Protein backbone atom coordinates (compact mmCIF):
# COMPACT_ATOMS: atom_id res chain seq x y z
CA UNK A 1 -0.01 0.02 -0.08
CA UNK A 2 1.51 3.26 -1.05
CA UNK A 3 0.63 6.30 1.18
CA UNK A 4 1.87 8.78 -1.37
CA UNK A 5 1.68 9.07 -5.17
CA UNK A 6 5.07 10.52 -6.33
CA UNK A 7 8.05 11.35 -4.39
CA UNK A 8 7.83 13.31 -1.08
CA UNK A 9 9.98 16.19 -0.38
CA UNK A 10 10.62 17.57 3.09
CA UNK A 11 8.91 20.88 4.01
CA UNK A 12 9.13 23.13 6.98
CA UNK A 13 6.93 22.40 9.97
CA UNK A 14 5.48 25.91 9.69
CA UNK A 15 4.28 25.19 6.23
CA UNK A 16 2.81 21.86 7.28
CA UNK A 17 1.15 23.44 10.24
CA UNK A 18 -0.82 25.91 8.00
CA UNK A 19 -2.50 22.96 6.29
CA UNK A 20 -2.83 20.66 9.32
CA UNK A 21 -3.64 22.97 12.23
CA UNK A 22 -7.39 22.16 12.06
CA UNK A 23 -6.59 18.57 12.44
CA UNK A 24 -3.97 18.62 15.30
CA UNK A 25 -4.96 17.66 18.75
CA UNK A 26 -4.22 19.84 21.79
CA UNK A 27 -0.47 19.70 22.49
CA UNK A 28 0.34 17.75 19.26
CA UNK A 29 3.39 18.95 17.51
CA UNK A 30 4.67 18.21 14.02
CA UNK A 31 8.15 16.45 14.10
CA UNK A 32 8.73 16.14 10.33
CA UNK A 33 6.67 16.94 7.39
CA UNK A 34 6.55 16.04 3.62
CA UNK A 35 4.73 17.25 0.53
CA UNK A 36 3.82 15.70 -2.76
CA UNK A 37 2.03 18.17 -5.09
CA UNK A 38 -0.84 19.35 -2.84
CA UNK A 39 -0.69 16.51 -0.26
CA UNK A 40 0.80 16.98 3.18
CA UNK A 41 2.11 14.24 5.27
CA UNK A 42 3.44 14.62 8.86
CA UNK A 43 5.01 12.64 11.53
CA UNK A 44 3.68 14.18 14.87
CA UNK A 45 4.19 13.54 18.42
CA UNK A 46 1.09 11.44 18.48
CA UNK A 47 0.51 9.88 15.03
CA UNK A 48 1.15 9.94 11.24
CA UNK A 49 -1.10 12.31 9.40
CA UNK A 50 -1.73 12.17 5.76
CA UNK A 51 -3.89 14.93 4.17
CA UNK A 52 -4.95 14.10 0.62
CA UNK A 53 -6.15 17.05 -1.27
CA UNK A 54 -8.53 15.97 -4.08
CA UNK A 55 -10.33 17.43 -7.10
CA UNK A 56 -9.56 20.38 -9.28
CA UNK A 57 -10.37 22.96 -6.70
CA UNK A 58 -8.88 21.08 -3.74
CA UNK A 59 -12.00 21.58 -1.73
CA UNK A 60 -12.31 17.83 -1.15
CA UNK A 61 -9.86 16.39 1.32
CA UNK A 62 -9.19 13.03 3.00
CA UNK A 63 -7.42 12.86 6.22
CA UNK A 64 -5.70 9.55 7.21
CA UNK A 65 -4.24 9.04 10.68
CA UNK A 66 -2.20 6.17 12.04
CA UNK A 67 -1.52 6.34 15.79
CA UNK A 68 2.02 5.33 16.75
CA UNK A 69 0.67 2.58 18.94
CA UNK A 70 -0.38 0.72 15.73
CA UNK A 71 3.03 0.88 14.02
CA UNK A 72 5.05 -2.07 14.94
CA UNK A 73 8.24 -1.69 12.86
CA UNK A 74 9.78 0.44 9.99
CA UNK A 75 12.52 0.21 7.46
CA UNK A 76 14.26 2.98 5.64
CA UNK A 77 16.49 2.78 2.63
CA UNK A 78 18.54 5.77 1.55
CA UNK A 79 18.90 6.95 -1.96
CA UNK A 80 22.15 5.65 -3.74
CA UNK A 81 24.34 7.12 -6.38
CA UNK A 82 21.87 6.19 -9.16
CA UNK A 83 18.71 6.12 -7.12
CA UNK A 84 16.36 9.11 -7.42
CA UNK A 85 14.61 8.55 -4.09
CA UNK A 86 14.71 6.97 -0.69
CA UNK A 87 12.16 4.51 0.56
CA UNK A 88 10.34 4.23 3.83
CA UNK A 89 8.22 1.31 4.87
CA UNK A 90 5.97 1.46 7.89
CA UNK A 91 4.49 -1.88 9.39
CA UNK A 92 1.16 -1.16 10.76
CA UNK A 93 -1.00 -3.75 12.59
CA UNK A 94 -3.70 -5.27 10.41
CA UNK A 95 -2.50 -3.49 7.22
CA UNK A 96 -0.09 -4.21 4.38
CA UNK A 97 3.19 -2.31 4.68
CA UNK A 98 2.83 1.34 3.88
CA UNK A 99 5.52 2.42 1.50
CA UNK A 100 6.54 6.21 1.13
CA UNK A 101 9.06 7.33 -1.45
CA UNK A 102 11.14 10.18 -0.17
CA UNK A 103 13.27 12.46 -2.28
CA UNK A 104 16.99 12.10 -2.41
CA UNK A 105 17.69 15.10 -0.23
CA UNK A 106 15.62 13.72 2.71
CA UNK A 107 17.56 13.75 5.96
CA UNK A 108 17.87 9.95 6.31
CA UNK A 109 19.39 9.91 9.83
CA UNK A 110 16.74 12.45 11.12
CA UNK A 111 13.71 10.50 9.77
CA UNK A 112 15.23 7.30 11.34
CA UNK A 113 15.73 8.95 14.59
CA UNK A 114 12.13 10.32 14.82
CA UNK A 115 10.72 6.88 13.84
CA UNK A 116 12.83 4.97 16.23
CA UNK A 117 11.78 7.35 19.09
CA UNK A 118 8.19 6.82 18.27
CA UNK A 119 8.02 3.11 17.40
CA UNK A 120 10.52 1.76 19.93
CA UNK A 121 9.88 4.35 22.64
């Protein structure tokens, strides 16, 4: 199951907050955020959020949320010399692995650190 269509590029948390602020819980903070075209995906202190903006006008939106308690494991593969993107896989209870393609400039160590703290913590 692919969570994203295309390759996700890292964006600043402030940009992600502008699109996700209506969906965040009290005290929830964005740790890392990524964008593919109009869609925004964030790793927060409580869960993984995926906002899929649909339609020509973007007025239709789908929000997916995965609590950290449901993520049992992850793998991350960095981009190589000839690879154009990195790949992240999340293993979620009751679902097929979720695959996310990340652009080559994604901070591999930082993504791994955030995931390790949330999944193993």
